[in-house]
N, C-alpha and C. Protein backbone atom coordinates (compact mmCIF):
# COMPACT_ATOMS: atom_id res chain seq x y z
N MET A 1 -31.33 -222.98 -50.77
CA MET A 1 -31.59 -223.39 -49.20
C MET A 1 -33.13 -223.94 -49.12
N SER A 2 -33.71 -225.24 -48.67
CA SER A 2 -34.73 -225.31 -49.05
C SER A 2 -35.62 -225.12 -47.37
N HIS A 3 -36.92 -225.10 -47.47
CA HIS A 3 -37.38 -224.67 -46.32
C HIS A 3 -38.25 -226.20 -45.67
N PRO A 4 -37.92 -226.19 -44.32
CA PRO A 4 -38.64 -227.39 -44.01
C PRO A 4 -40.34 -227.43 -43.99
N PRO A 5 -40.53 -228.27 -44.15
CA PRO A 5 -42.36 -228.60 -44.42
C PRO A 5 -42.78 -227.82 -43.60
N SER A 6 -43.98 -227.58 -43.83
CA SER A 6 -44.96 -226.58 -42.65
C SER A 6 -46.19 -226.68 -43.28
N LEU A 7 -47.26 -226.31 -42.53
CA LEU A 7 -48.51 -226.34 -42.73
C LEU A 7 -48.85 -224.68 -42.63
N PHE A 8 -49.64 -224.35 -43.41
CA PHE A 8 -49.80 -222.69 -43.69
C PHE A 8 -51.20 -222.34 -43.79
N CYS A 9 -52.04 -221.32 -43.27
CA CYS A 9 -53.53 -220.81 -43.65
C CYS A 9 -53.18 -219.67 -43.24
N ARG A 10 -54.35 -219.02 -43.95
CA ARG A 10 -54.38 -217.20 -43.72
C ARG A 10 -56.07 -217.21 -43.49
N TYR A 11 -56.57 -216.64 -42.12
CA TYR A 11 -58.02 -216.60 -42.29
C TYR A 11 -57.98 -214.91 -42.15
N GLU A 12 -59.04 -214.69 -42.78
CA GLU A 12 -59.84 -213.40 -42.98
C GLU A 12 -60.79 -212.95 -42.28
N PHE A 13 -61.03 -211.83 -41.45
CA PHE A 13 -62.01 -211.37 -40.65
C PHE A 13 -62.35 -209.84 -41.20
N ALA A 14 -63.74 -209.40 -40.57
CA ALA A 14 -64.57 -208.48 -41.09
C ALA A 14 -64.02 -207.34 -40.29
N SER A 15 -63.52 -207.51 -38.98
CA SER A 15 -62.92 -206.58 -38.05
C SER A 15 -62.39 -206.70 -37.58
N TYR A 16 -61.40 -205.39 -36.83
CA TYR A 16 -60.12 -205.93 -35.59
C TYR A 16 -60.73 -206.83 -34.63
N ALA A 17 -61.92 -206.65 -33.77
CA ALA A 17 -62.78 -207.01 -32.89
C ALA A 17 -62.24 -208.47 -33.21
N GLN A 18 -63.05 -209.12 -34.45
CA GLN A 18 -63.06 -210.59 -34.67
C GLN A 18 -61.67 -211.04 -35.08
N THR A 19 -60.42 -210.20 -35.30
CA THR A 19 -59.22 -210.75 -35.59
C THR A 19 -58.86 -211.17 -33.98
N ARG A 20 -59.06 -209.93 -33.19
CA ARG A 20 -58.46 -210.10 -31.83
C ARG A 20 -59.36 -211.48 -30.72
N GLU A 21 -60.43 -211.64 -31.09
CA GLU A 21 -61.25 -212.54 -30.53
C GLU A 21 -60.46 -213.72 -30.97
N PHE A 22 -60.20 -214.21 -32.30
CA PHE A 22 -59.60 -215.09 -32.92
C PHE A 22 -57.99 -215.70 -32.26
N LEU A 23 -57.50 -214.35 -32.27
CA LEU A 23 -55.90 -214.59 -31.46
C LEU A 23 -55.97 -215.07 -29.96
N ASP A 24 -57.17 -214.39 -29.36
CA ASP A 24 -57.23 -214.88 -28.14
C ASP A 24 -57.65 -216.19 -27.80
N ALA A 25 -58.41 -216.96 -28.72
CA ALA A 25 -58.79 -218.13 -29.01
C ALA A 25 -57.63 -219.08 -29.22
N LEU A 26 -56.98 -218.56 -30.16
CA LEU A 26 -55.83 -219.50 -30.58
C LEU A 26 -54.79 -219.33 -29.27
N ALA A 27 -54.55 -218.27 -28.51
CA ALA A 27 -54.02 -218.43 -27.55
C ALA A 27 -54.29 -219.44 -26.23
N VAL A 28 -55.50 -219.73 -26.05
CA VAL A 28 -56.12 -220.93 -24.92
C VAL A 28 -55.57 -221.85 -25.84
N LEU A 29 -55.89 -222.17 -27.10
CA LEU A 29 -55.38 -223.44 -27.89
C LEU A 29 -54.15 -223.73 -27.82
N SER A 30 -53.05 -222.75 -27.93
CA SER A 30 -51.48 -223.23 -27.89
C SER A 30 -51.42 -223.26 -26.30
N GLU A 31 -52.08 -222.64 -25.49
CA GLU A 31 -51.69 -223.05 -23.91
C GLU A 31 -52.08 -224.64 -23.81
N GLU A 32 -53.41 -225.03 -24.47
CA GLU A 32 -53.77 -226.30 -23.81
C GLU A 32 -52.83 -227.11 -24.73
N THR A 33 -52.60 -227.07 -25.86
CA THR A 33 -51.45 -228.23 -26.79
C THR A 33 -50.14 -228.10 -26.71
N ARG A 34 -49.93 -226.68 -25.73
CA ARG A 34 -48.31 -226.58 -25.91
C ARG A 34 -47.88 -226.38 -27.28
N LEU A 35 -48.30 -226.02 -28.09
CA LEU A 35 -48.00 -225.69 -29.54
C LEU A 35 -48.23 -224.10 -29.86
N PHE A 36 -46.77 -223.40 -30.30
CA PHE A 36 -47.03 -222.25 -30.32
C PHE A 36 -46.48 -221.96 -31.99
N PRO A 37 -47.58 -222.00 -32.53
CA PRO A 37 -47.04 -221.52 -34.53
C PRO A 37 -46.89 -220.10 -34.78
N ASP A 38 -45.97 -220.10 -35.66
CA ASP A 38 -45.40 -218.53 -36.23
C ASP A 38 -47.16 -218.01 -36.62
N LEU A 39 -47.19 -216.79 -35.75
CA LEU A 39 -48.47 -216.26 -36.43
C LEU A 39 -48.04 -214.77 -37.12
N GLY A 40 -48.62 -214.24 -38.09
CA GLY A 40 -48.50 -213.16 -38.64
C GLY A 40 -49.84 -212.46 -38.83
N PHE A 41 -50.38 -211.33 -38.50
CA PHE A 41 -51.74 -210.85 -38.27
C PHE A 41 -51.19 -209.24 -38.46
N ALA A 42 -52.57 -208.84 -39.22
CA ALA A 42 -52.97 -207.08 -39.18
C ALA A 42 -54.20 -206.94 -38.63
N ARG A 43 -54.96 -206.20 -39.12
CA ARG A 43 -56.11 -205.77 -38.73
C ARG A 43 -57.11 -206.63 -38.93
N THR A 44 -57.07 -207.30 -39.83
CA THR A 44 -58.24 -208.38 -40.57
C THR A 44 -57.63 -209.57 -41.12
N PHE A 45 -56.80 -209.89 -40.79
CA PHE A 45 -56.33 -211.20 -41.07
C PHE A 45 -55.10 -211.92 -39.91
N VAL A 46 -55.18 -213.30 -40.21
CA VAL A 46 -54.12 -213.84 -39.60
C VAL A 46 -53.61 -214.95 -40.32
N ASN A 47 -52.24 -214.78 -40.55
CA ASN A 47 -51.56 -216.14 -41.00
C ASN A 47 -50.94 -217.24 -39.70
N ILE A 48 -51.18 -218.28 -40.07
CA ILE A 48 -50.71 -219.29 -39.07
C ILE A 48 -49.82 -220.14 -39.96
N THR A 49 -48.68 -220.18 -39.33
CA THR A 49 -47.71 -221.46 -39.92
C THR A 49 -47.23 -222.65 -38.90
N LEU A 50 -47.24 -223.48 -38.98
CA LEU A 50 -47.26 -224.73 -38.23
C LEU A 50 -45.89 -225.55 -38.78
N ARG A 51 -45.07 -225.69 -38.02
CA ARG A 51 -43.85 -226.62 -38.52
C ARG A 51 -43.62 -227.63 -37.36
N GLY A 52 -43.35 -228.78 -37.89
CA GLY A 52 -43.02 -229.99 -36.95
C GLY A 52 -41.64 -229.98 -36.21
N ARG A 53 -41.29 -230.73 -35.04
CA ARG A 53 -40.15 -230.07 -34.36
C ARG A 53 -38.85 -230.90 -35.01
N ASP A 54 -38.07 -230.05 -34.57
CA ASP A 54 -36.61 -230.17 -35.02
C ASP A 54 -36.55 -230.44 -36.44
N GLY A 55 -37.21 -229.91 -37.41
CA GLY A 55 -37.20 -229.46 -39.02
C GLY A 55 -38.10 -230.68 -39.35
N ALA A 56 -38.50 -231.36 -38.59
CA ALA A 56 -39.60 -232.57 -39.16
C ALA A 56 -40.58 -231.92 -39.94
N SER A 57 -41.26 -232.89 -40.60
CA SER A 57 -42.59 -232.70 -41.06
C SER A 57 -43.78 -232.62 -40.11
N PRO A 58 -44.68 -231.42 -40.09
CA PRO A 58 -45.80 -231.49 -39.19
C PRO A 58 -46.44 -232.89 -38.94
N GLY A 59 -46.38 -233.51 -37.80
CA GLY A 59 -46.83 -234.40 -37.21
C GLY A 59 -48.52 -234.15 -36.85
N PRO A 60 -49.01 -235.52 -36.25
CA PRO A 60 -50.27 -235.46 -35.87
C PRO A 60 -50.83 -234.49 -34.83
N ALA A 61 -49.79 -233.91 -33.92
CA ALA A 61 -50.09 -232.73 -32.80
C ALA A 61 -50.31 -231.43 -33.72
N GLU A 62 -49.32 -231.45 -34.99
CA GLU A 62 -49.67 -230.06 -35.77
C GLU A 62 -50.99 -230.03 -36.38
N ILE A 63 -51.08 -231.22 -37.19
CA ILE A 63 -52.45 -231.42 -37.97
C ILE A 63 -53.83 -231.10 -37.01
N ASP A 64 -53.58 -231.68 -35.88
CA ASP A 64 -54.92 -231.44 -35.47
C ASP A 64 -54.88 -230.05 -34.70
N TYR A 65 -53.83 -229.22 -34.38
CA TYR A 65 -53.76 -227.91 -34.06
C TYR A 65 -54.53 -227.11 -35.47
N ALA A 66 -53.90 -227.59 -36.14
CA ALA A 66 -54.88 -226.85 -37.79
C ALA A 66 -55.85 -227.00 -37.68
N ARG A 67 -56.44 -228.32 -37.32
CA ARG A 67 -57.92 -228.41 -37.69
C ARG A 67 -58.52 -227.85 -36.82
N ARG A 68 -58.35 -227.60 -35.46
CA ARG A 68 -58.62 -227.24 -34.16
C ARG A 68 -58.95 -225.31 -34.43
N ALA A 69 -57.98 -224.95 -35.00
CA ALA A 69 -57.91 -223.57 -35.43
C ALA A 69 -58.71 -223.07 -36.54
N ALA A 70 -59.21 -224.01 -37.45
CA ALA A 70 -60.13 -223.96 -38.73
C ALA A 70 -61.68 -223.91 -37.83
N VAL A 71 -61.40 -224.51 -36.93
CA VAL A 71 -62.90 -224.98 -36.24
C VAL A 71 -63.33 -223.57 -35.50
N LEU A 72 -62.27 -222.77 -34.95
CA LEU A 72 -62.33 -221.78 -34.17
C LEU A 72 -62.61 -220.45 -35.02
N ALA A 73 -61.77 -220.65 -36.31
CA ALA A 73 -61.92 -219.47 -37.25
C ALA A 73 -63.39 -219.32 -37.84
N ALA A 74 -63.67 -220.57 -37.93
CA ALA A 74 -65.03 -220.60 -38.59
C ALA A 74 -66.40 -219.53 -37.93
N ALA A 75 -66.00 -219.44 -36.70
CA ALA A 75 -67.02 -218.38 -36.03
C ALA A 75 -66.91 -217.30 -36.44
N TRP A 76 -65.63 -216.88 -36.95
CA TRP A 76 -65.55 -215.18 -37.45
C TRP A 76 -65.22 -214.75 -38.77
N THR A 77 -64.68 -216.02 -39.66
CA THR A 77 -64.06 -215.60 -40.82
C THR A 77 -65.23 -215.10 -42.28
N VAL A 78 -64.71 -214.47 -42.65
CA VAL A 78 -65.56 -213.63 -44.08
C VAL A 78 -65.63 -214.88 -44.75
N SER A 79 -66.69 -215.04 -45.70
CA SER A 79 -66.57 -216.06 -46.62
C SER A 79 -66.23 -215.29 -47.69
C-alpha cells in the first residue's frame, strides 16, 4: 500500500519553552489558513506533515503553509 504524497519537516529546539512557543505560533497559522497538519512533538522537536486534500499531492496552500512554518521556526530552531 502506498502513502499519498506529503510534505514533511522536523524542527528542533533548545528547550520545551521554545517548542511550546512554536506550537502556539503554528496554532495561529492554522486558524488563519484553515489548514491543520499532522503534528508530532516532544520536549524539543516538532514534526509537521502536510498532505493534500482527498489524497492529492500537496498544493499551493500546503506549500505556502510549509514556507510560513519554516519562517516561524527560524526564530527558535537550533542550528
